[in-house]
Amino acid sequence: MQAAAPQVVLLDWELPGLSAAILWERRSLCPSVRLVAMSGLSEARLAALNAGADAFVGKVEPPEGLLAALESVSEG
């Protein structure tokens, strides 16, 4: 049986006890996965995008912003 790989991963940038940068390094195991980072900190946007996120969504943005980001990265 083959394990399914996700197409898109939505990741909170401030995971307790886990550096999000570790997860970006894991991307080499599944290079086709698209990464969307979320944070309540506006300054995290640049850090996430520099670390390799395909998109960033602020937690204060309306749900439509999250949906648009997920649709955008899933379409390539």
PDB file of N, CA and C in Angstrom:
ATOM      1  N   MET A   1       0.840  -1.175   0.000  1.00  0.00           N
ATOM      2  CA  MET A   1       0.000   0.000   0.000  1.00  0.00           C
ATOM      3  C   MET A   1       0.887   1.240   0.000  1.00  0.00           C
ATOM      4  N   GLN A   2       0.553   2.214  -0.819  1.00  0.00           N
ATOM      5  CA  GLN A   2       1.341   3.432  -0.939  1.00  0.00           C
ATOM      6  C   GLN A   2       0.733   4.526  -0.059  1.00  0.00           C
ATOM      7  N   ALA A   3       1.594   5.242   0.674  1.00  0.00           N
ATOM      8  CA  ALA A   3       1.130   6.341   1.514  1.00  0.00           C
ATOM      9  C   ALA A   3       0.744   7.532   0.649  1.00  0.00           C
ATOM     10  N   ALA A   4      -0.315   8.180   1.020  1.00  0.00           N
ATOM     11  CA  ALA A   4      -0.761   9.368   0.290  1.00  0.00           C
ATOM     12  C   ALA A   4       0.051  10.579   0.733  1.00  0.00           C
ATOM     13  N   ALA A   5       0.437  11.389  -0.206  1.00  0.00           N
ATOM     14  CA  ALA A   5       1.160  12.622   0.099  1.00  0.00           C
ATOM     15  C   ALA A   5       0.198  13.788  -0.068  1.00  0.00           C
ATOM     16  N   PRO A   6       0.249  14.749   0.843  1.00  0.00           N
ATOM     17  CA  PRO A   6      -0.652  15.896   0.709  1.00  0.00           C
ATOM     18  C   PRO A   6      -0.254  16.773  -0.469  1.00  0.00           C
ATOM     19  N   GLN A   7      -1.227  17.476  -1.021  1.00  0.00           N
ATOM     20  CA  GLN A   7      -0.949  18.444  -2.076  1.00  0.00           C
ATOM     21  C   GLN A   7      -0.633  19.807  -1.477  1.00  0.00           C
ATOM     22  N   VAL A   8      -1.359  20.144  -0.406  1.00  0.00           N
ATOM     23  CA  VAL A   8      -1.192  21.439   0.262  1.00  0.00           C
ATOM     24  C   VAL A   8      -1.130  21.199   1.768  1.00  0.00           C
ATOM     25  N   VAL A   9      -0.204  21.881   2.438  1.00  0.00           N
ATOM     26  CA  VAL A   9      -0.102  21.823   3.892  1.00  0.00           C
ATOM     27  C   VAL A   9      -0.324  23.228   4.431  1.00  0.00           C
ATOM     28  N   LEU A  10      -1.258  23.355   5.369  1.00  0.00           N
ATOM     29  CA  LEU A  10      -1.517  24.609   6.065  1.00  0.00           C
ATOM     30  C   LEU A  10      -0.833  24.502   7.419  1.00  0.00           C
ATOM     31  N   LEU A  11       0.072  25.437   7.698  1.00  0.00           N
ATOM     32  CA  LEU A  11       0.928  25.334   8.873  1.00  0.00           C
ATOM     33  C   LEU A  11       0.892  26.610   9.683  1.00  0.00           C
ATOM     34  N   ASP A  12       0.640  26.472  10.981  1.00  0.00           N
ATOM     35  CA  ASP A  12       0.746  27.615  11.879  1.00  0.00           C
ATOM     36  C   ASP A  12       2.227  27.908  12.064  1.00  0.00           C
ATOM     37  N   TRP A  13       2.637  29.131  11.832  1.00  0.00           N
ATOM     38  CA  TRP A  13       4.043  29.498  11.884  1.00  0.00           C
ATOM     39  C   TRP A  13       4.603  29.399  13.291  1.00  0.00           C
ATOM     40  N   GLU A  14       3.775  29.522  14.319  1.00  0.00           N
ATOM     41  CA  GLU A  14       4.239  29.457  15.706  1.00  0.00           C
ATOM     42  C   GLU A  14       3.809  28.154  16.381  1.00  0.00           C
ATOM     43  N   LEU A  15       4.277  27.047  15.892  1.00  0.00           N
ATOM     44  CA  LEU A  15       3.941  25.759  16.505  1.00  0.00           C
ATOM     45  C   LEU A  15       4.703  25.604  17.814  1.00  0.00           C
ATOM     46  N   PRO A  16       3.997  25.390  18.935  1.00  0.00           N
ATOM     47  CA  PRO A  16       4.690  25.219  20.217  1.00  0.00           C
ATOM     48  C   PRO A  16       5.603  24.006  20.195  1.00  0.00           C
ATOM     49  N   GLY A  17       6.848  24.213  20.568  1.00  0.00           N
ATOM     50  CA  GLY A  17       7.804  23.120  20.667  1.00  0.00           C
ATOM     51  C   GLY A  17       8.350  22.628  19.345  1.00  0.00           C
ATOM     52  N   LEU A  18       8.042  23.293  18.248  1.00  0.00           N
ATOM     53  CA  LEU A  18       8.520  22.851  16.948  1.00  0.00           C
ATOM     54  C   LEU A  18       8.821  24.054  16.078  1.00  0.00           C
ATOM     55  N   SER A  19      10.015  24.103  15.564  1.00  0.00           N
ATOM     56  CA  SER A  19      10.375  25.188  14.665  1.00  0.00           C
ATOM     57  C   SER A  19       9.803  24.899  13.284  1.00  0.00           C
ATOM     58  N   ALA A  20       9.081  25.855  12.750  1.00  0.00           N
ATOM     59  CA  ALA A  20       8.505  25.679  11.417  1.00  0.00           C
ATOM     60  C   ALA A  20       9.591  25.477  10.370  1.00  0.00           C
ATOM     61  N   ALA A  21      10.784  26.001  10.613  1.00  0.00           N
ATOM     62  CA  ALA A  21      11.877  25.835   9.659  1.00  0.00           C
ATOM     63  C   ALA A  21      12.200  24.359   9.448  1.00  0.00           C
ATOM     64  N   ILE A  22      12.027  23.536  10.473  1.00  0.00           N
ATOM     65  CA  ILE A  22      12.265  22.094  10.333  1.00  0.00           C
ATOM     66  C   ILE A  22      11.322  21.511   9.288  1.00  0.00           C
ATOM     67  N   LEU A  23      10.096  21.971   9.298  1.00  0.00           N
ATOM     68  CA  LEU A  23       9.121  21.443   8.346  1.00  0.00           C
ATOM     69  C   LEU A  23       9.445  21.854   6.921  1.00  0.00           C
ATOM     70  N   TRP A  24      10.014  23.038   6.732  1.00  0.00           N
ATOM     71  CA  TRP A  24      10.405  23.462   5.385  1.00  0.00           C
ATOM     72  C   TRP A  24      11.517  22.552   4.870  1.00  0.00           C
ATOM     73  N   GLU A  25      12.422  22.140   5.765  1.00  0.00           N
ATOM     74  CA  GLU A  25      13.495  21.235   5.351  1.00  0.00           C
ATOM     75  C   GLU A  25      12.930  19.881   4.919  1.00  0.00           C
ATOM     76  N   ARG A  26      11.867  19.466   5.552  1.00  0.00           N
ATOM     77  CA  ARG A  26      11.225  18.189   5.206  1.00  0.00           C
ATOM     78  C   ARG A  26      10.638  18.223   3.802  1.00  0.00           C
ATOM     79  N   ARG A  27      10.473  19.397   3.254  1.00  0.00           N
ATOM     80  CA  ARG A  27       9.888  19.546   1.930  1.00  0.00           C
ATOM     81  C   ARG A  27      10.678  18.773   0.880  1.00  0.00           C
ATOM     82  N   SER A  28      11.962  18.566   1.125  1.00  0.00           N
ATOM     83  CA  SER A  28      12.773  17.828   0.165  1.00  0.00           C
ATOM     84  C   SER A  28      12.276  16.388   0.005  1.00  0.00           C
ATOM     85  N   LEU A  29      11.571  15.877   1.006  1.00  0.00           N
ATOM     86  CA  LEU A  29      11.020  14.527   0.921  1.00  0.00           C
ATOM     87  C   LEU A  29       9.809  14.474  -0.005  1.00  0.00           C
ATOM     88  N   CYS A  30       9.138  15.587  -0.145  1.00  0.00           N
ATOM     89  CA  CYS A  30       7.950  15.660  -0.996  1.00  0.00           C
ATOM     90  C   CYS A  30       7.936  17.044  -1.653  1.00  0.00           C
ATOM     91  N   PRO A  31       8.754  17.229  -2.675  1.00  0.00           N
ATOM     92  CA  PRO A  31       8.914  18.562  -3.260  1.00  0.00           C
ATOM     93  C   PRO A  31       7.670  19.134  -3.920  1.00  0.00           C
ATOM     94  N   SER A  32       6.695  18.311  -4.235  1.00  0.00           N
ATOM     95  CA  SER A  32       5.501  18.833  -4.888  1.00  0.00           C
ATOM     96  C   SER A  32       4.500  19.438  -3.907  1.00  0.00           C
ATOM     97  N   VAL A  33       4.696  19.208  -2.608  1.00  0.00           N
ATOM     98  CA  VAL A  33       3.751  19.745  -1.632  1.00  0.00           C
ATOM     99  C   VAL A  33       3.851  21.270  -1.599  1.00  0.00           C
ATOM    100  N   ARG A  34       2.708  21.922  -1.530  1.00  0.00           N
ATOM    101  CA  ARG A  34       2.635  23.379  -1.464  1.00  0.00           C
ATOM    102  C   ARG A  34       2.401  23.759  -0.004  1.00  0.00           C
ATOM    103  N   LEU A  35       3.113  24.776   0.485  1.00  0.00           N
ATOM    104  CA  LEU A  35       3.054  25.156   1.890  1.00  0.00           C
ATOM    105  C   LEU A  35       2.408  26.527   2.060  1.00  0.00           C
ATOM    106  N   VAL A  36       1.387  26.585   2.920  1.00  0.00           N
ATOM    107  CA  VAL A  36       0.726  27.844   3.263  1.00  0.00           C
ATOM    108  C   VAL A  36       0.938  28.055   4.755  1.00  0.00           C
ATOM    109  N   ALA A  37       1.567  29.168   5.109  1.00  0.00           N
ATOM    110  CA  ALA A  37       1.827  29.487   6.514  1.00  0.00           C
ATOM    111  C   ALA A  37       0.776  30.458   7.020  1.00  0.00           C
ATOM    112  N   MET A  38       0.433  30.305   8.308  1.00  0.00           N
ATOM    113  CA  MET A  38      -0.500  31.225   8.972  1.00  0.00           C
ATOM    114  C   MET A  38       0.157  31.766  10.223  1.00  0.00           C
ATOM    115  N   SER A  39      -0.159  33.014  10.547  1.00  0.00           N
ATOM    116  CA  SER A  39       0.342  33.587  11.790  1.00  0.00           C
ATOM    117  C   SER A  39      -0.493  34.791  12.173  1.00  0.00           C
ATOM    118  N   GLY A  40      -0.534  35.054  13.451  1.00  0.00           N
ATOM    119  CA  GLY A  40      -1.156  36.259  13.959  1.00  0.00           C
ATOM    120  C   GLY A  40      -0.182  37.419  13.986  1.00  0.00           C
ATOM    121  N   LEU A  41       1.079  37.134  13.711  1.00  0.00           N
ATOM    122  CA  LEU A  41       2.125  38.155  13.723  1.00  0.00           C
ATOM    123  C   LEU A  41       2.407  38.620  12.301  1.00  0.00           C
ATOM    124  N   SER A  42       2.191  39.883  12.032  1.00  0.00           N
ATOM    125  CA  SER A  42       2.395  40.391  10.675  1.00  0.00           C
ATOM    126  C   SER A  42       3.847  40.275  10.234  1.00  0.00           C
ATOM    127  N   GLU A  43       4.793  40.367  11.180  1.00  0.00           N
ATOM    128  CA  GLU A  43       6.207  40.267  10.820  1.00  0.00           C
ATOM    129  C   GLU A  43       6.613  38.847  10.425  1.00  0.00           C
ATOM    130  N   ALA A  44       5.767  37.867  10.674  1.00  0.00           N
ATOM    131  CA  ALA A  44       6.055  36.482  10.293  1.00  0.00           C
ATOM    132  C   ALA A  44       5.909  36.276   8.789  1.00  0.00           C
ATOM    133  N   ARG A  45       5.171  37.154   8.117  1.00  0.00           N
ATOM    134  CA  ARG A  45       4.940  37.009   6.668  1.00  0.00           C
ATOM    135  C   ARG A  45       6.253  36.894   5.905  1.00  0.00           C
ATOM    136  N   LEU A  46       7.130  37.844   6.106  1.00  0.00           N
ATOM    137  CA  LEU A  46       8.402  37.846   5.375  1.00  0.00           C
ATOM    138  C   LEU A  46       9.247  36.635   5.749  1.00  0.00           C
ATOM    139  N   ALA A  47       9.290  36.289   7.032  1.00  0.00           N
ATOM    140  CA  ALA A  47      10.074  35.132   7.477  1.00  0.00           C
ATOM    141  C   ALA A  47       9.566  33.849   6.838  1.00  0.00           C
ATOM    142  N   ALA A  48       8.251  33.676   6.798  1.00  0.00           N
ATOM    143  CA  ALA A  48       7.665  32.463   6.222  1.00  0.00           C
ATOM    144  C   ALA A  48       7.948  32.375   4.730  1.00  0.00           C
ATOM    145  N   LEU A  49       7.764  33.475   4.025  1.00  0.00           N
ATOM    146  CA  LEU A  49       7.999  33.460   2.578  1.00  0.00           C
ATOM    147  C   LEU A  49       9.476  33.252   2.267  1.00  0.00           C
ATOM    148  N   ASN A  50      10.360  33.852   3.069  1.00  0.00           N
ATOM    149  CA  ASN A  50      11.801  33.643   2.876  1.00  0.00           C
ATOM    150  C   ASN A  50      12.206  32.203   3.173  1.00  0.00           C
ATOM    151  N   ALA A  51      11.468  31.549   4.063  1.00  0.00           N
ATOM    152  CA  ALA A  51      11.774  30.162   4.421  1.00  0.00           C
ATOM    153  C   ALA A  51      11.236  29.175   3.403  1.00  0.00           C
ATOM    154  N   GLY A  52      10.435  29.656   2.445  1.00  0.00           N
ATOM    155  CA  GLY A  52       9.969  28.769   1.396  1.00  0.00           C
ATOM    156  C   GLY A  52       8.482  28.545   1.330  1.00  0.00           C
ATOM    157  N   ALA A  53       7.709  29.259   2.139  1.00  0.00           N
ATOM    158  CA  ALA A  53       6.253  29.114   2.054  1.00  0.00           C
ATOM    159  C   ALA A  53       5.785  29.601   0.689  1.00  0.00           C
ATOM    160  N   ASP A  54       4.804  28.941   0.142  1.00  0.00           N
ATOM    161  CA  ASP A  54       4.233  29.343  -1.142  1.00  0.00           C
ATOM    162  C   ASP A  54       3.231  30.470  -0.965  1.00  0.00           C
ATOM    163  N   ALA A  55       2.680  30.592   0.234  1.00  0.00           N
ATOM    164  CA  ALA A  55       1.722  31.658   0.532  1.00  0.00           C
ATOM    165  C   ALA A  55       1.718  31.884   2.036  1.00  0.00           C
ATOM    166  N   PHE A  56       1.213  33.034   2.426  1.00  0.00           N
ATOM    167  CA  PHE A  56       1.083  33.389   3.839  1.00  0.00           C
ATOM    168  C   PHE A  56      -0.288  33.998   4.053  1.00  0.00           C
ATOM    169  N   VAL A  57      -0.922  33.624   5.157  1.00  0.00           N
ATOM    170  CA  VAL A  57      -2.223  34.170   5.506  1.00  0.00           C
ATOM    171  C   VAL A  57      -2.164  34.641   6.953  1.00  0.00           C
ATOM    172  N   GLY A  58      -2.550  35.882   7.176  1.00  0.00           N
ATOM    173  CA  GLY A  58      -2.643  36.394   8.539  1.00  0.00           C
ATOM    174  C   GLY A  58      -3.897  35.864   9.210  1.00  0.00           C
ATOM    175  N   LYS A  59      -3.798  35.568  10.495  1.00  0.00           N
ATOM    176  CA  LYS A  59      -4.954  35.022  11.208  1.00  0.00           C
ATOM    177  C   LYS A  59      -6.076  36.038  11.355  1.00  0.00           C
ATOM    178  N   VAL A  60      -5.768  37.310  11.150  1.00  0.00           N
ATOM    179  CA  VAL A  60      -6.815  38.328  11.237  1.00  0.00           C
ATOM    180  C   VAL A  60      -7.540  38.527   9.910  1.00  0.00           C
ATOM    181  N   GLU A  61      -7.033  37.901   8.853  1.00  0.00           N
ATOM    182  CA  GLU A  61      -7.678  38.027   7.547  1.00  0.00           C
ATOM    183  C   GLU A  61      -9.010  37.269   7.557  1.00  0.00           C
ATOM    184  N   PRO A  62      -9.963  37.719   6.762  1.00  0.00           N
ATOM    185  CA  PRO A  62     -11.239  36.996   6.691  1.00  0.00           C
ATOM    186  C   PRO A  62     -11.040  35.610   6.081  1.00  0.00           C
ATOM    187  N   PRO A  63     -11.977  34.698   6.327  1.00  0.00           N
ATOM    188  CA  PRO A  63     -11.862  33.333   5.795  1.00  0.00           C
ATOM    189  C   PRO A  63     -11.649  33.288   4.280  1.00  0.00           C
ATOM    190  N   GLU A  64     -12.189  34.266   3.574  1.00  0.00           N
ATOM    191  CA  GLU A  64     -12.022  34.290   2.119  1.00  0.00           C
ATOM    192  C   GLU A  64     -10.549  34.403   1.724  1.00  0.00           C
ATOM    193  N   GLY A  65      -9.747  35.077   2.556  1.00  0.00           N
ATOM    194  CA  GLY A  65      -8.312  35.193   2.281  1.00  0.00           C
ATOM    195  C   GLY A  65      -7.619  33.849   2.382  1.00  0.00           C
ATOM    196  N   LEU A  66      -8.001  33.064   3.373  1.00  0.00           N
ATOM    197  CA  LEU A  66      -7.445  31.726   3.526  1.00  0.00           C
ATOM    198  C   LEU A  66      -7.861  30.844   2.356  1.00  0.00           C
ATOM    199  N   LEU A  67      -9.124  30.880   2.005  1.00  0.00           N
ATOM    200  CA  LEU A  67      -9.593  30.071   0.877  1.00  0.00           C
ATOM    201  C   LEU A  67      -8.888  30.457  -0.412  1.00  0.00           C
ATOM    202  N   ALA A  68      -8.708  31.748  -0.634  1.00  0.00           N
ATOM    203  CA  ALA A  68      -8.029  32.198  -1.847  1.00  0.00           C
ATOM    204  C   ALA A  68      -6.586  31.717  -1.882  1.00  0.00           C
ATOM    205  N   ALA A  69      -5.898  31.764  -0.747  1.00  0.00           N
ATOM    206  CA  ALA A  69      -4.508  31.293  -0.698  1.00  0.00           C
ATOM    207  C   ALA A  69      -4.430  29.793  -0.964  1.00  0.00           C
ATOM    208  N   LEU A  70      -5.325  29.026  -0.369  1.00  0.00           N
ATOM    209  CA  LEU A  70      -5.329  27.575  -0.573  1.00  0.00           C
ATOM    210  C   LEU A  70      -5.641  27.230  -2.027  1.00  0.00           C
ATOM    211  N   GLU A  71      -6.590  27.917  -2.608  1.00  0.00           N
ATOM    212  CA  GLU A  71      -6.929  27.666  -4.019  1.00  0.00           C
ATOM    213  C   GLU A  71      -5.771  28.054  -4.931  1.00  0.00           C
ATOM    214  N   SER A  72      -5.146  29.164  -4.627  1.00  0.00           N
ATOM    215  CA  SER A  72      -4.049  29.662  -5.462  1.00  0.00           C
ATOM    216  C   SER A  72      -2.875  28.687  -5.481  1.00  0.00           C
ATOM    217  N   VAL A  73      -2.456  28.202  -4.315  1.00  0.00           N
ATOM    218  CA  VAL A  73      -1.301  27.299  -4.294  1.00  0.00           C
ATOM    219  C   VAL A  73      -1.667  25.916  -4.823  1.00  0.00           C
ATOM    220  N   SER A  74      -2.910  25.492  -4.646  1.00  0.00           N
ATOM    221  CA  SER A  74      -3.288  24.166  -5.146  1.00  0.00           C
ATOM    222  C   SER A  74      -3.368  24.157  -6.670  1.00  0.00           C
ATOM    223  N   GLU A  75      -3.605  25.325  -7.269  1.00  0.00           N
ATOM    224  CA  GLU A  75      -3.647  25.425  -8.731  1.00  0.00           C
ATOM    225  C   GLU A  75      -2.266  25.627  -9.334  1.00  0.00           C
ATOM    226  N   GLY A  76      -1.306  25.899  -8.483  1.00  0.00           N
ATOM    227  CA  GLY A  76       0.066  26.088  -8.958  1.00  0.00           C
ATOM    228  C   GLY A  76       0.344  27.517  -9.172  1.00  0.00           C
TER     229      GLY A  76
END
